[in-house]
Amino acid sequence: MSSQYVAHIREKDGDIQPLVTHLREVGNLACEFAQKINTVDAGNVLGLLHDFGKFSQDFQAYIKSATGVINPDEDEYVEANTLKGKIDHSSAGAQLLWQRLHKFGGAGQGEIVAQTLALCIASHHSGLINCIDKDGSNIFNIRMGKDDEKTHLLECLNHAEAELMASVDELVNQELVKNLYGKLSTLVDFSAALAQKKYSKTDSFNLGFFTRFLFSCLVDADRLNSAEFETPLRKQQRLCRQAWLNWDTAIDRLESHLGQFEQTKPIDEIRQRISDKCKQRANGPQGVYSLTVPTGGGKTLASLRYALHHARKHRLERIIYVIPYTSIIEQNARAVREVLEQEADLHPWVLEHHSNIEPENQTWHSKLVSENWDAPIVFTTMVQFLEALFGGGTRSVRRMHQLANAVLVFDEIQT
């Protein structure tokens, strides 16, 4: 029965992506991303319910009319152009989470978990919504109380596949509240908030930041799955890229390059000591470290040496350089490319992402991985970094989850 419910229809050949397939595949991807902070079940729930509102007849009539599946002469046909963006398909899943979870646990545990998850779903096309607007109105409560006539939650519950609902029932329960609240408790002092009847600024920031991370996992998973259905080659490229990544290859190339340097001057010996120290410290625990080296000290390759060995030691996924000036980015990225990249490589090691890149210098691959920084080594600006962390909308937030499980190198941080 559920196969009649459509998530997307491919433009070039009219192939249909069933809604259940999209929900499960987005759930799997969001699980993978959320694993970085040990919140797999939360990622899965967000994926399974983010487009739950598409089980409504209003949405199905809209998408099938817009893509020609429904003939204009049929009774179900609607004028899709006038309805674009007007059929609410994000509130139903958010309402379902809120209704099922907010009563679990004492001291508001269920409420905080339900709101965190519901916000991600309600916002996945608009960017994270404010819970309270400038006038003090509780926007979140208004959204959760939106009329069923507009959100179609009851209709969607009746139409959704039994196996999908079984998966939802298995995940959306008191255990989810307990686990996610436990995770949040490592970041937020809920006891102090209850005693003082408000959150500290730090706790408020951490709570919002955690929500935004899960939001990043959902948005990137949704956009990836939708794009990869439209262009299946994109999925093949992504999986091939992931299988191809091996830090040993990059380390061997860098060590071979460094071994060719001749030490003929005192400065050469100093650079060597700096580089060797970076390699030595790479075997240490993850944390925040500083490297203070004057101009000419070889910090570009020394920091790369640290990053590569540290990434291998801790099984990290990527290395991200955050640099204030595009001129420095271009110079450093060029130096790293010359050391690591070879013509026979299946994919480039280095991605530059900043405003100075000329369109003619961008490849299909670089445009693709710039969307979510899905590359082994990324060179970007502080502006792009801050956009990933704090920017509005849904475009830049896709990159946020990539900052986890990565080596972050802030170059020229004093500027």
Protein backbone atom coordinates (compact mmCIF):
# COMPACT_ATOMS: atom_id res chain seq x y z
CA MET A 1 0.00 0.00 0.00
CA SER A 2 2.79 2.42 0.95
CA SER A 3 4.38 2.27 -2.53
CA GLN A 4 1.73 4.68 -3.76
CA TYR A 5 3.19 7.39 -1.52
CA VAL A 6 5.87 9.34 -3.34
CA ALA A 7 8.84 11.26 -1.91
CA HIS A 8 10.45 12.38 -5.17
CA ILE A 9 10.03 11.84 -8.90
CA ARG A 10 13.22 11.90 -10.97
CA GLU A 11 13.09 14.65 -13.55
CA LYS A 12 14.97 12.94 -16.36
CA ASP A 13 13.10 9.62 -16.48
CA GLY A 14 10.08 9.91 -14.19
CA ASP A 15 11.34 7.20 -11.81
CA ILE A 16 9.66 7.31 -8.39
CA GLN A 17 11.37 7.26 -5.01
CA PRO A 18 8.84 5.77 -2.59
CA LEU A 19 8.36 7.86 0.54
CA VAL A 20 9.20 4.95 2.85
CA THR A 21 12.47 4.39 1.00
CA HIS A 22 13.44 8.06 1.36
CA LEU A 23 12.61 8.11 5.08
CA ARG A 24 14.64 4.97 5.80
CA GLU A 25 17.63 6.03 3.70
CA VAL A 26 17.73 9.48 5.29
CA GLY A 27 17.50 7.77 8.67
CA ASN A 28 20.49 5.58 7.84
CA LEU A 29 22.58 8.55 6.72
CA ALA A 30 21.58 10.65 9.73
CA CYS A 31 22.55 7.69 11.95
CA GLU A 32 25.98 7.65 10.37
CA PHE A 33 26.48 11.38 10.96
CA ALA A 34 25.02 11.38 14.49
CA GLN A 35 27.32 8.49 15.46
CA LYS A 36 30.09 11.10 15.75
CA ILE A 37 28.52 12.25 19.01
CA ASN A 38 27.00 8.89 19.97
CA THR A 39 23.39 9.82 19.21
CA VAL A 40 22.57 7.19 16.59
CA ASP A 41 18.94 6.65 17.62
CA ALA A 42 18.25 10.38 17.51
CA GLY A 43 19.60 10.53 13.96
CA ASN A 44 17.46 7.58 12.92
CA VAL A 45 14.29 9.09 14.43
CA LEU A 46 14.89 12.40 12.67
CA GLY A 47 15.33 10.65 9.33
CA LEU A 48 12.27 8.43 9.71
CA LEU A 49 9.95 11.29 10.63
CA HIS A 50 11.31 14.38 8.85
CA ASP A 51 8.96 14.02 5.84
CA PHE A 52 6.18 12.16 7.63
CA GLY A 53 3.72 14.82 6.46
CA LYS A 54 4.18 13.63 2.88
CA PHE A 55 1.79 10.76 3.63
CA SER A 56 -1.06 13.28 3.31
CA GLN A 57 -3.28 13.23 0.24
CA ASP A 58 -2.76 16.98 -0.18
CA PHE A 59 0.98 16.55 -0.61
CA GLN A 60 0.64 13.47 -2.83
CA ALA A 61 -1.79 15.29 -5.12
CA TYR A 62 0.60 18.22 -5.27
CA ILE A 63 3.76 16.30 -6.16
CA LYS A 64 2.02 13.99 -8.63
CA SER A 65 0.30 16.92 -10.35
CA ALA A 66 3.56 18.90 -10.50
CA THR A 67 5.41 16.02 -12.17
CA GLY A 68 2.70 14.84 -14.56
CA VAL A 69 1.87 11.60 -12.77
CA ILE A 70 -1.70 12.86 -12.38
CA ASN A 71 -3.36 14.00 -15.60
CA PRO A 72 -4.97 17.47 -15.53
CA ASP A 73 -8.27 15.82 -16.46
CA GLU A 74 -8.30 13.62 -13.35
CA ASP A 75 -10.25 14.61 -10.25
CA GLU A 76 -7.15 14.45 -8.00
CA TYR A 77 -5.25 16.99 -10.11
CA VAL A 78 -4.33 20.31 -8.44
CA GLU A 79 -2.65 23.48 -9.71
CA ALA A 80 0.81 22.70 -8.34
CA ASN A 81 2.34 26.07 -9.19
CA THR A 82 0.03 27.84 -6.76
CA LEU A 83 0.74 25.31 -3.98
CA LYS A 84 4.55 25.20 -4.10
CA GLY A 85 5.89 25.64 -0.57
CA LYS A 86 2.39 25.98 0.88
CA ILE A 87 1.65 22.38 1.90
CA ASP A 88 3.05 21.75 5.37
CA HIS A 89 4.86 18.40 5.39
CA SER A 90 7.33 19.12 8.21
CA SER A 91 4.98 19.71 11.15
CA ALA A 92 3.42 16.24 11.29
CA GLY A 93 6.63 14.42 12.25
CA ALA A 94 7.54 17.15 14.74
CA GLN A 95 4.10 16.97 16.34
CA LEU A 96 4.29 13.18 16.54
CA LEU A 97 7.61 13.38 18.42
CA TRP A 98 6.35 16.09 20.75
CA GLN A 99 3.11 14.29 21.59
CA ARG A 100 4.82 10.98 22.29
CA LEU A 101 7.89 12.16 24.18
CA HIS A 102 7.20 15.35 26.12
CA LYS A 103 5.44 13.63 29.04
CA PHE A 104 8.21 11.10 29.74
CA GLY A 105 10.60 11.53 32.65
CA GLY A 106 10.45 13.93 35.55
CA ALA A 107 11.74 17.49 35.78
CA GLY A 108 10.94 18.25 32.16
CA GLN A 109 13.25 15.60 30.71
CA GLY A 110 10.78 14.53 28.05
CA GLU A 111 10.01 18.13 27.12
CA ILE A 112 13.63 19.10 26.50
CA VAL A 113 14.34 15.96 24.43
CA ALA A 114 11.08 16.26 22.48
CA GLN A 115 11.67 19.92 21.75
CA THR A 116 15.26 19.29 20.61
CA LEU A 117 14.16 16.66 18.10
CA ALA A 118 10.93 18.34 17.03
CA LEU A 119 12.77 21.59 16.26
CA CYS A 120 15.06 19.78 13.82
CA ILE A 121 12.16 18.29 11.89
CA ALA A 122 9.97 21.40 11.91
CA SER A 123 12.91 23.46 10.62
CA HIS A 124 14.50 21.20 8.03
CA HIS A 125 13.41 23.37 5.08
CA SER A 126 13.53 26.80 6.69
CA GLY A 127 16.53 26.78 8.99
CA LEU A 128 16.19 26.45 12.76
CA ILE A 129 13.13 28.36 13.91
CA ASN A 130 13.06 30.55 17.01
CA CYS A 131 11.16 29.07 19.95
CA ILE A 132 10.26 32.57 21.12
CA ASP A 133 9.85 35.50 18.72
CA LYS A 134 10.77 39.14 19.32
CA ASP A 135 7.34 39.87 20.78
CA GLY A 136 7.61 37.04 23.29
CA SER A 137 5.19 34.70 21.52
CA ASN A 138 5.93 31.00 21.99
CA ILE A 139 6.43 30.01 18.35
CA PHE A 140 7.29 26.43 19.24
CA ASN A 141 4.05 25.83 21.16
CA ILE A 142 2.07 27.43 18.35
CA ARG A 143 3.72 25.08 15.84
CA MET A 144 3.13 21.99 18.00
CA GLY A 145 -0.52 23.03 18.43
CA LYS A 146 -1.11 23.69 14.75
CA ASP A 147 -4.47 22.38 13.51
CA ASP A 148 -4.50 18.83 12.23
CA GLU A 149 -6.39 20.15 9.21
CA LYS A 150 -3.13 21.84 8.18
CA THR A 151 -0.53 19.33 9.45
CA HIS A 152 -2.47 16.14 8.50
CA LEU A 153 -0.89 14.16 11.34
CA LEU A 154 -3.88 11.84 11.93
CA GLU A 155 -4.21 11.19 8.20
CA CYS A 156 -0.50 10.40 7.93
CA LEU A 157 -0.68 8.01 10.88
CA ASN A 158 -3.47 6.15 9.07
CA HIS A 159 -1.58 6.02 5.77
CA ALA A 160 1.96 5.20 6.96
CA GLU A 161 3.32 1.70 6.34
CA ALA A 162 2.96 -0.69 9.29
CA GLU A 163 6.65 -1.63 9.23
CA LEU A 164 7.67 2.03 9.28
CA MET A 165 5.42 2.70 12.27
CA ALA A 166 6.86 -0.36 14.00
CA SER A 167 10.33 1.17 13.60
CA VAL A 168 9.04 4.49 14.93
CA ASP A 169 7.38 2.79 17.91
CA GLU A 170 10.60 0.93 18.69
CA LEU A 171 12.62 4.16 18.76
CA VAL A 172 10.27 6.88 19.99
CA ASN A 173 9.84 5.90 23.62
CA GLN A 174 11.01 6.53 27.16
CA GLU A 175 14.38 4.93 26.49
CA LEU A 176 15.12 7.55 23.82
CA VAL A 177 14.34 10.29 26.34
CA LYS A 178 16.55 8.68 28.96
CA ASN A 179 19.52 8.24 26.61
CA LEU A 180 19.35 11.65 24.96
CA TYR A 181 18.73 13.46 28.24
CA GLY A 182 21.76 11.66 29.67
CA LYS A 183 23.82 12.93 26.75
CA LEU A 184 22.54 16.47 27.22
CA SER A 185 23.28 16.29 30.95
CA THR A 186 27.00 16.12 30.17
CA LEU A 187 26.66 19.52 28.48
CA VAL A 188 23.95 21.27 30.50
CA ASP A 189 23.56 21.69 34.27
CA PHE A 190 19.85 20.90 34.48
CA SER A 191 19.86 20.87 38.30
CA ALA A 192 21.06 24.47 38.43
CA ALA A 193 18.56 25.47 35.74
CA LEU A 194 15.69 23.96 37.75
CA ALA A 195 16.83 25.64 40.96
CA GLN A 196 17.23 29.05 39.32
CA LYS A 197 14.29 28.56 36.93
CA LYS A 198 16.47 29.55 33.98
CA TYR A 199 19.48 28.33 32.04
CA SER A 200 22.87 29.99 32.29
CA LYS A 201 24.19 31.52 29.08
CA THR A 202 26.68 28.68 28.71
CA ASP A 203 24.01 26.01 29.20
CA SER A 204 21.69 27.77 26.76
CA PHE A 205 24.49 27.91 24.20
CA ASN A 206 25.35 24.23 24.66
CA LEU A 207 21.73 23.17 24.37
CA GLY A 208 21.24 25.18 21.20
CA PHE A 209 24.54 23.98 19.78
CA PHE A 210 23.65 20.34 20.40
CA THR A 211 20.31 20.86 18.66
CA ARG A 212 22.04 22.49 15.71
CA PHE A 213 24.42 19.53 15.41
CA LEU A 214 21.52 17.09 15.11
CA PHE A 215 19.88 19.52 12.70
CA SER A 216 23.06 19.45 10.59
CA CYS A 217 22.96 15.63 10.50
CA LEU A 218 19.34 15.65 9.32
CA VAL A 219 19.66 18.40 6.72
CA ASP A 220 22.77 16.93 5.13
CA ALA A 221 21.27 13.43 5.11
CA ASP A 222 18.05 14.71 3.50
CA ARG A 223 19.80 16.79 0.85
CA LEU A 224 22.27 14.01 0.04
CA ASN A 225 19.59 11.36 -0.39
CA SER A 226 17.41 13.60 -2.52
CA ALA A 227 20.32 14.61 -4.77
CA GLU A 228 21.60 11.04 -5.05
CA PHE A 229 18.17 9.79 -6.12
CA GLU A 230 18.07 12.45 -8.83
CA THR A 231 21.67 11.69 -9.90
CA PRO A 232 22.67 8.15 -8.81
CA LEU A 233 26.27 8.77 -9.92
CA ARG A 234 26.61 11.07 -6.92
CA LYS A 235 26.08 8.19 -4.52
CA GLN A 236 28.61 6.03 -6.37
CA GLN A 237 31.11 8.88 -6.14
CA ARG A 238 30.52 9.36 -2.41
CA LEU A 239 30.87 5.69 -1.53
CA CYS A 240 33.94 5.35 -3.73
CA ARG A 241 35.47 8.42 -2.06
CA GLN A 242 34.92 6.99 1.40
CA ALA A 243 36.39 3.61 0.48
CA TRP A 244 39.38 5.27 -1.16
CA LEU A 245 40.42 7.40 1.81
CA ASN A 246 43.53 6.04 3.52
CA TRP A 247 45.69 8.24 5.72
CA ASP A 248 48.63 5.83 5.24
CA THR A 249 48.90 6.91 1.61
CA ALA A 250 49.01 10.60 2.49
CA ILE A 251 51.49 10.01 5.32
CA ASP A 252 53.83 8.00 3.09
CA ARG A 253 53.83 10.78 0.48
CA LEU A 254 54.48 13.49 3.05
CA GLU A 255 57.27 11.56 4.81
CA SER A 256 58.89 10.82 1.46
CA HIS A 257 58.74 14.50 0.55
CA LEU A 258 60.22 15.59 3.89
CA GLY A 259 63.00 13.02 3.54
CA GLN A 260 64.23 14.77 0.41
CA PHE A 261 65.06 18.02 2.24
CA GLU A 262 68.77 18.70 2.63
CA GLN A 263 69.95 20.27 5.88
CA THR A 264 72.60 22.70 4.71
CA LYS A 265 71.75 25.70 6.90
CA PRO A 266 70.90 26.19 10.60
CA ILE A 267 67.33 27.12 9.66
CA ASP A 268 66.92 23.71 8.02
CA GLU A 269 67.78 21.98 11.29
CA ILE A 270 65.31 24.17 13.18
CA ARG A 271 62.53 23.35 10.71
CA GLN A 272 63.36 19.66 11.07
CA ARG A 273 63.12 19.82 14.87
CA ILE A 274 59.77 21.60 14.66
CA SER A 275 58.43 19.04 12.20
CA ASP A 276 59.70 16.08 14.23
CA LYS A 277 58.13 17.50 17.39
CA CYS A 278 54.78 17.78 15.61
CA LYS A 279 54.98 14.16 14.50
CA GLN A 280 55.87 13.09 18.03
CA ARG A 281 52.98 15.00 19.62
CA ALA A 282 50.51 13.58 17.08
CA ASN A 283 50.43 10.34 19.05
CA GLY A 284 49.05 12.14 22.10
CA PRO A 285 45.39 12.40 23.17
CA GLN A 286 42.86 14.57 21.37
CA GLY A 287 42.63 18.09 22.74
CA VAL A 288 43.43 21.73 22.08
CA TYR A 289 47.08 22.51 21.31
CA SER A 290 49.04 25.51 20.05
CA LEU A 291 51.98 25.67 17.68
CA THR A 292 53.93 28.92 17.80
CA VAL A 293 56.37 29.18 14.92
CA PRO A 294 57.73 32.33 13.27
CA THR A 295 57.43 32.96 9.54
CA GLY A 296 59.78 30.66 7.65
CA GLY A 297 59.61 27.91 10.26
CA GLY A 298 57.83 25.46 7.98
CA LYS A 299 54.58 25.34 9.93
CA THR A 300 52.43 24.47 6.89
CA LEU A 301 54.01 21.04 6.42
CA ALA A 302 54.73 20.65 10.15
CA SER A 303 51.07 21.16 11.01
CA LEU A 304 50.06 18.84 8.16
CA ARG A 305 52.42 16.22 9.55
CA TYR A 306 50.77 16.49 12.95
CA ALA A 307 47.27 16.42 11.46
CA LEU A 308 47.84 13.37 9.26
CA HIS A 309 49.47 11.28 11.99
CA HIS A 310 46.86 12.40 14.54
CA ALA A 311 44.00 11.55 12.15
CA ARG A 312 45.39 8.06 11.65
CA LYS A 313 46.04 7.56 15.36
CA HIS A 314 42.46 8.45 16.35
CA ARG A 315 40.70 7.25 13.17
CA LEU A 316 39.45 10.70 12.28
CA GLU A 317 37.63 11.43 9.03
CA ARG A 318 39.09 14.68 7.77
CA ILE A 319 41.43 17.61 8.35
CA ILE A 320 40.04 21.13 8.17
CA TYR A 321 42.28 24.20 7.94
CA VAL A 322 40.61 27.46 8.97
CA ILE A 323 42.57 30.47 7.71
CA PRO A 324 41.77 34.22 7.83
CA TYR A 325 43.01 35.28 4.38
CA THR A 326 42.25 33.75 1.01
CA SER A 327 45.78 34.50 -0.20
CA ILE A 328 47.19 32.30 2.58
CA ILE A 329 44.63 29.61 1.82
CA GLU A 330 45.61 29.46 -1.83
CA GLN A 331 49.30 29.32 -0.98
CA ASN A 332 48.95 26.61 1.66
CA ALA A 333 46.49 24.52 -0.35
CA ARG A 334 48.86 24.62 -3.32
CA ALA A 335 51.76 23.46 -1.12
CA VAL A 336 49.75 20.54 0.27
CA ARG A 337 48.49 19.52 -3.17
CA GLU A 338 52.03 19.41 -4.51
CA VAL A 339 53.00 17.00 -1.74
CA LEU A 340 49.95 14.74 -1.54
CA GLU A 341 48.20 14.64 -4.90
CA GLN A 342 49.23 12.50 -7.86
CA GLU A 343 47.69 12.13 -11.31
CA ALA A 344 46.61 8.52 -10.71
CA ASP A 345 44.54 9.43 -7.64
CA LEU A 346 40.85 8.58 -7.92
CA HIS A 347 39.91 11.78 -6.09
CA PRO A 348 41.64 14.98 -5.01
CA TRP A 349 42.94 15.11 -1.45
CA VAL A 350 42.44 18.85 -1.06
CA LEU A 351 39.31 20.99 -1.25
CA GLU A 352 39.47 24.78 -1.22
CA HIS A 353 36.26 26.48 -0.15
CA HIS A 354 36.27 30.27 -0.17
CA SER A 355 34.88 33.20 -2.13
CA ASN A 356 37.96 33.78 -4.31
CA ILE A 357 37.74 30.54 -6.27
CA GLU A 358 37.01 31.34 -9.89
CA PRO A 359 34.23 29.26 -11.51
CA GLU A 360 36.56 28.07 -14.25
CA ASN A 361 38.86 26.60 -11.59
CA GLN A 362 36.07 24.58 -10.00
CA THR A 363 35.51 21.00 -11.08
CA TRP A 364 32.27 19.04 -10.86
CA HIS A 365 33.80 17.16 -7.95
CA SER A 366 34.89 20.28 -6.03
CA LYS A 367 31.46 21.88 -6.41
CA LEU A 368 29.87 18.70 -5.10
CA VAL A 369 32.03 18.24 -2.01
CA SER A 370 31.92 21.97 -1.19
CA GLU A 371 28.26 21.53 -0.30
CA ASN A 372 29.14 19.57 2.84
CA TRP A 373 32.97 19.48 3.02
CA ASP A 374 33.05 15.79 2.14
CA ALA A 375 36.77 15.77 1.36
CA PRO A 376 39.83 14.46 3.25
CA ILE A 377 41.52 17.87 3.65
CA VAL A 378 39.56 21.13 3.53
CA PHE A 379 41.00 24.64 3.38
CA THR A 380 38.43 27.28 4.23
CA THR A 381 38.03 30.74 5.75
CA MET A 382 36.99 31.76 9.24
CA VAL A 383 33.87 33.25 7.63
CA GLN A 384 32.83 29.87 6.20
CA PHE A 385 33.69 28.16 9.49
CA LEU A 386 31.48 30.55 11.46
CA GLU A 387 28.70 30.20 8.87
CA ALA A 388 28.75 26.44 9.43
CA LEU A 389 28.41 26.98 13.17
CA PHE A 390 25.98 29.89 13.30
CA GLY A 391 24.62 30.77 9.85
CA GLY A 392 20.88 30.86 9.19
CA GLY A 393 18.99 28.76 6.67
CA THR A 394 19.96 25.22 5.69
CA ARG A 395 22.88 25.67 3.30
CA SER A 396 25.88 26.18 5.55
CA VAL A 397 24.62 24.06 8.46
CA ARG A 398 25.13 20.92 6.35
CA ARG A 399 28.86 21.28 6.98
CA MET A 400 28.65 21.51 10.76
CA HIS A 401 28.64 17.78 11.53
CA GLN A 402 31.82 17.38 9.47
CA LEU A 403 33.68 19.35 12.14
CA ALA A 404 33.25 16.39 14.50
CA ASN A 405 35.72 13.53 14.14
CA ALA A 406 38.15 15.88 12.45
CA VAL A 407 41.45 17.66 13.07
CA LEU A 408 40.79 21.41 13.04
CA VAL A 409 43.83 23.57 12.33
CA PHE A 410 43.37 27.32 12.90
CA ASP A 411 46.21 28.96 11.03
CA GLU A 412 47.31 32.52 11.80
CA ILE A 413 44.84 32.44 14.71
CA GLN A 414 46.26 35.65 16.17
CA THR A 415 44.72 37.61 13.26
